[in-house]
Amino acid sequence: MDLHITEEAYKQKLLREKKLEIQKQLKGEKTAASPPLHEQKLVIIDSNGTQVSSENIIKPIDSKIKPENAYQQWTFFKKSKEFPPSSFAFICGPENYIADISGKPDLNNLEKKDNGPIGGILKEKGWTLNNIKRLQ
C-alpha cells in the first residue's frame, strides 16, 4: 500500500516539474544552460580534412512558425484531417431507401445475384457494382 502511495506521489512530482518546464518553454525562457543551436559555433571538417565555412551550412529554422492569416490556418488543418475515399458500401433498408441511395437491385435470376444498374446518390459519386453490395 505504501509503495503505491509513494509511486503516485513521485508521478505527481514529475508531472508538476514537466508542467513548469513546458510553461517556461511557452514563455520563451531557456530551460537549458546551453545557447540555442543557431547561436553555437560549429566547426565542420570535410573528408579532405579542410574546414568548411559556416556560410555553406544550412541553419535550422524556427519550428514555431505561425500562420500569417486565417487561410493558412484553414489549409493546414484541412490537410491534416482528410480521410481516404470510401471503397465499398453495404446498402440495406427498405426498397425505396436502397433505390434512392444506389438504384433498384435486380435479383430476378437463378443465382440471386444483383445485376441492377447503379443509380441514385452513389451513381453521382462515380461508384460501380464493384463498390456496392445491396442487401434486402
C-alpha atoms as a PDB file:
ATOM      1  CA  MET A   1       0.000   0.000   0.000  1.00  0.00           C
ATOM      2  CA  ASP A   2       2.764   2.452   0.972  1.00  0.00           C
ATOM      3  CA  LEU A   3       4.650   1.595  -2.197  1.00  0.00           C
ATOM      4  CA  HIS A   4       1.641   2.581  -4.328  1.00  0.00           C
ATOM      5  CA  ILE A   5       1.266   5.899  -2.478  1.00  0.00           C
ATOM      6  CA  THR A   6       4.977   6.656  -2.855  1.00  0.00           C
ATOM      7  CA  GLU A   7       4.854   5.798  -6.549  1.00  0.00           C
ATOM      8  CA  GLU A   8       1.796   8.013  -7.076  1.00  0.00           C
ATOM      9  CA  ALA A   9       3.442  10.913  -5.202  1.00  0.00           C
ATOM     10  CA  TYR A  10       6.551  10.545  -7.374  1.00  0.00           C
ATOM     11  CA  LYS A  11       4.453  10.577 -10.559  1.00  0.00           C
ATOM     12  CA  GLN A  12       2.646  13.723  -9.385  1.00  0.00           C
ATOM     13  CA  LYS A  13       6.004  15.407  -8.695  1.00  0.00           C
ATOM     14  CA  LEU A  14       7.275  14.530 -12.181  1.00  0.00           C
ATOM     15  CA  LEU A  15       4.072  15.852 -13.749  1.00  0.00           C
ATOM     16  CA  ARG A  16       4.379  19.155 -11.862  1.00  0.00           C
ATOM     17  CA  GLU A  17       8.018  19.537 -12.949  1.00  0.00           C
ATOM     18  CA  LYS A  18       7.157  18.774 -16.573  1.00  0.00           C
ATOM     19  CA  LYS A  19       4.266  21.229 -16.485  1.00  0.00           C
ATOM     20  CA  LEU A  20       6.555  24.003 -15.200  1.00  0.00           C
ATOM     21  CA  GLU A  21       9.135  23.171 -17.871  1.00  0.00           C
ATOM     22  CA  ILE A  22       6.517  23.372 -20.625  1.00  0.00           C
ATOM     23  CA  GLN A  23       5.183  26.677 -19.290  1.00  0.00           C
ATOM     24  CA  LYS A  24       8.716  28.110 -19.319  1.00  0.00           C
ATOM     25  CA  GLN A  25       9.205  26.930 -22.901  1.00  0.00           C
ATOM     26  CA  LEU A  26       5.952  28.530 -23.977  1.00  0.00           C
ATOM     27  CA  LYS A  27       7.007  31.826 -22.393  1.00  0.00           C
ATOM     28  CA  GLY A  28      10.292  31.653 -24.291  1.00  0.00           C
ATOM     29  CA  GLU A  29      12.539  31.090 -21.297  1.00  0.00           C
ATOM     30  CA  LYS A  30      15.516  28.810 -21.683  1.00  0.00           C
ATOM     31  CA  THR A  31      15.435  25.594 -19.684  1.00  0.00           C
ATOM     32  CA  ALA A  32      18.969  24.501 -20.534  1.00  0.00           C
ATOM     33  CA  ALA A  33      22.185  26.422 -19.909  1.00  0.00           C
ATOM     34  CA  SER A  34      23.460  25.964 -23.469  1.00  0.00           C
ATOM     35  CA  PRO A  35      22.703  28.629 -26.091  1.00  0.00           C
ATOM     36  CA  PRO A  36      20.348  27.803 -28.968  1.00  0.00           C
ATOM     37  CA  LEU A  37      21.765  25.760 -31.821  1.00  0.00           C
ATOM     38  CA  HIS A  38      21.779  28.655 -34.298  1.00  0.00           C
ATOM     39  CA  GLU A  39      23.990  30.674 -31.907  1.00  0.00           C
ATOM     40  CA  GLN A  40      26.523  27.908 -31.291  1.00  0.00           C
ATOM     41  CA  LYS A  41      29.752  27.885 -33.277  1.00  0.00           C
ATOM     42  CA  LEU A  42      30.211  24.746 -35.289  1.00  0.00           C
ATOM     43  CA  VAL A  43      33.421  23.529 -36.843  1.00  0.00           C
ATOM     44  CA  ILE A  44      32.925  21.143 -39.744  1.00  0.00           C
ATOM     45  CA  ILE A  45      35.727  19.294 -41.435  1.00  0.00           C
ATOM     46  CA  ASP A  46      35.090  17.632 -44.785  1.00  0.00           C
ATOM     47  CA  SER A  47      36.531  14.304 -45.970  1.00  0.00           C
ATOM     48  CA  ASN A  48      39.705  16.035 -47.252  1.00  0.00           C
ATOM     49  CA  GLY A  49      40.472  17.417 -43.786  1.00  0.00           C
ATOM     50  CA  THR A  50      39.749  21.052 -44.679  1.00  0.00           C
ATOM     51  CA  GLN A  51      37.487  23.234 -42.605  1.00  0.00           C
ATOM     52  CA  VAL A  52      34.134  24.142 -44.167  1.00  0.00           C
ATOM     53  CA  SER A  53      32.904  27.701 -43.675  1.00  0.00           C
ATOM     54  CA  SER A  54      29.741  28.182 -41.656  1.00  0.00           C
ATOM     55  CA  GLU A  55      28.196  30.158 -44.536  1.00  0.00           C
ATOM     56  CA  ASN A  56      27.717  26.933 -46.504  1.00  0.00           C
ATOM     57  CA  ILE A  57      25.782  25.290 -43.683  1.00  0.00           C
ATOM     58  CA  ILE A  58      22.006  25.416 -43.707  1.00  0.00           C
ATOM     59  CA  LYS A  59      20.882  26.928 -40.437  1.00  0.00           C
ATOM     60  CA  PRO A  60      17.925  25.388 -38.585  1.00  0.00           C
ATOM     61  CA  ILE A  61      14.633  27.180 -38.977  1.00  0.00           C
ATOM     62  CA  ASP A  62      12.306  28.174 -36.177  1.00  0.00           C
ATOM     63  CA  SER A  63       9.859  25.329 -35.631  1.00  0.00           C
ATOM     64  CA  LYS A  64       7.290  27.679 -34.121  1.00  0.00           C
ATOM     65  CA  ILE A  65       6.199  29.099 -37.468  1.00  0.00           C
ATOM     66  CA  LYS A  66       2.923  30.879 -37.030  1.00  0.00           C
ATOM     67  CA  PRO A  67       0.476  31.272 -39.904  1.00  0.00           C
ATOM     68  CA  GLU A  68       0.072  34.796 -41.200  1.00  0.00           C
ATOM     69  CA  ASN A  69      -3.656  34.619 -41.822  1.00  0.00           C
ATOM     70  CA  ALA A  70      -6.766  32.519 -41.336  1.00  0.00           C
ATOM     71  CA  TYR A  71      -6.486  30.932 -44.790  1.00  0.00           C
ATOM     72  CA  GLN A  72      -3.103  29.416 -43.940  1.00  0.00           C
ATOM     73  CA  GLN A  73      -4.537  28.027 -40.705  1.00  0.00           C
ATOM     74  CA  TRP A  74      -7.516  26.570 -42.552  1.00  0.00           C
ATOM     75  CA  THR A  75      -5.376  24.863 -45.199  1.00  0.00           C
ATOM     76  CA  PHE A  76      -3.111  23.351 -42.536  1.00  0.00           C
ATOM     77  CA  PHE A  77      -5.967  21.890 -40.519  1.00  0.00           C
ATOM     78  CA  LYS A  78      -7.859  20.824 -43.650  1.00  0.00           C
ATOM     79  CA  LYS A  79      -4.900  18.758 -44.856  1.00  0.00           C
ATOM     80  CA  SER A  80      -4.370  17.030 -41.543  1.00  0.00           C
ATOM     81  CA  LYS A  81      -7.922  15.707 -41.203  1.00  0.00           C
ATOM     82  CA  GLU A  82      -8.716  14.316 -44.632  1.00  0.00           C
ATOM     83  CA  PHE A  83      -9.984  10.759 -44.805  1.00  0.00           C
ATOM     84  CA  PRO A  84      -9.231   8.344 -47.626  1.00  0.00           C
ATOM     85  CA  PRO A  85     -12.066   7.894 -50.135  1.00  0.00           C
ATOM     86  CA  SER A  86     -14.573   5.153 -49.424  1.00  0.00           C
ATOM     87  CA  SER A  87     -14.085   1.954 -51.357  1.00  0.00           C
ATOM     88  CA  PHE A  88     -17.043  -0.294 -50.501  1.00  0.00           C
ATOM     89  CA  ALA A  89     -20.575   0.137 -49.157  1.00  0.00           C
ATOM     90  CA  PHE A  90     -23.278  -2.195 -47.905  1.00  0.00           C
ATOM     91  CA  ILE A  91     -26.713  -0.703 -48.563  1.00  0.00           C
ATOM     92  CA  CYS A  92     -29.663  -2.128 -46.690  1.00  0.00           C
ATOM     93  CA  GLY A  93     -33.094  -0.950 -45.659  1.00  0.00           C
ATOM     94  CA  PRO A  94     -36.500  -0.510 -47.243  1.00  0.00           C
ATOM     95  CA  GLU A  95     -36.688  -0.847 -51.031  1.00  0.00           C
ATOM     96  CA  ASN A  96     -37.285   2.884 -51.544  1.00  0.00           C
ATOM     97  CA  TYR A  97     -34.209   3.750 -49.475  1.00  0.00           C
ATOM     98  CA  ILE A  98     -31.995   1.319 -51.389  1.00  0.00           C
ATOM     99  CA  ALA A  99     -33.328   2.683 -54.698  1.00  0.00           C
ATOM    100  CA  ASP A 100     -32.599   6.301 -53.655  1.00  0.00           C
ATOM    101  CA  ILE A 101     -29.066   5.532 -52.495  1.00  0.00           C
ATOM    102  CA  SER A 102     -27.815   3.029 -55.078  1.00  0.00           C
ATOM    103  CA  GLY A 103     -30.577   2.327 -57.558  1.00  0.00           C
ATOM    104  CA  LYS A 104     -33.045  -0.546 -57.691  1.00  0.00           C
ATOM    105  CA  PRO A 105     -31.454  -4.011 -57.408  1.00  0.00           C
ATOM    106  CA  ASP A 106     -32.321  -6.668 -59.990  1.00  0.00           C
ATOM    107  CA  LEU A 107     -32.396 -10.054 -58.258  1.00  0.00           C
ATOM    108  CA  ASN A 108     -34.575 -11.751 -60.894  1.00  0.00           C
ATOM    109  CA  ASN A 109     -32.146 -14.546 -61.811  1.00  0.00           C
ATOM    110  CA  LEU A 110     -31.353 -18.075 -60.643  1.00  0.00           C
ATOM    111  CA  GLU A 111     -28.214 -17.074 -58.771  1.00  0.00           C
ATOM    112  CA  LYS A 112     -29.977 -14.254 -56.883  1.00  0.00           C
ATOM    113  CA  LYS A 113     -27.061 -12.052 -57.900  1.00  0.00           C
ATOM    114  CA  ASP A 114     -27.616  -8.305 -58.026  1.00  0.00           C
ATOM    115  CA  ASN A 115     -27.373  -7.212 -61.667  1.00  0.00           C
ATOM    116  CA  GLY A 116     -29.333  -3.982 -61.382  1.00  0.00           C
ATOM    117  CA  PRO A 117     -27.866  -0.763 -62.714  1.00  0.00           C
ATOM    118  CA  ILE A 118     -26.314   1.674 -60.271  1.00  0.00           C
ATOM    119  CA  GLY A 119     -28.359   4.799 -59.685  1.00  0.00           C
ATOM    120  CA  GLY A 120     -29.164   7.329 -57.025  1.00  0.00           C
ATOM    121  CA  ILE A 121     -26.595   9.161 -54.945  1.00  0.00           C
ATOM    122  CA  LEU A 122     -23.804   6.627 -55.400  1.00  0.00           C
ATOM    123  CA  LYS A 123     -24.039   6.824 -59.207  1.00  0.00           C
ATOM    124  CA  GLU A 124     -23.486  10.580 -58.944  1.00  0.00           C
ATOM    125  CA  LYS A 125     -20.355   9.859 -56.882  1.00  0.00           C
ATOM    126  CA  GLY A 126     -19.000   7.533 -59.587  1.00  0.00           C
ATOM    127  CA  TRP A 127     -19.458   4.227 -57.769  1.00  0.00           C
ATOM    128  CA  THR A 128     -19.890   0.922 -59.635  1.00  0.00           C
ATOM    129  CA  LEU A 129     -21.178  -2.576 -58.819  1.00  0.00           C
ATOM    130  CA  ASN A 130     -17.637  -3.366 -57.661  1.00  0.00           C
ATOM    131  CA  ASN A 131     -18.062  -0.856 -54.809  1.00  0.00           C
ATOM    132  CA  ILE A 132     -21.609  -1.725 -53.716  1.00  0.00           C
ATOM    133  CA  LYS A 133     -23.444  -4.661 -52.153  1.00  0.00           C
ATOM    134  CA  ARG A 134     -27.202  -4.150 -51.875  1.00  0.00           C
ATOM    135  CA  LEU A 135     -28.895  -6.201 -49.156  1.00  0.00           C
ATOM    136  CA  GLN A 136     -32.612  -6.926 -48.830  1.00  0.00           C
END
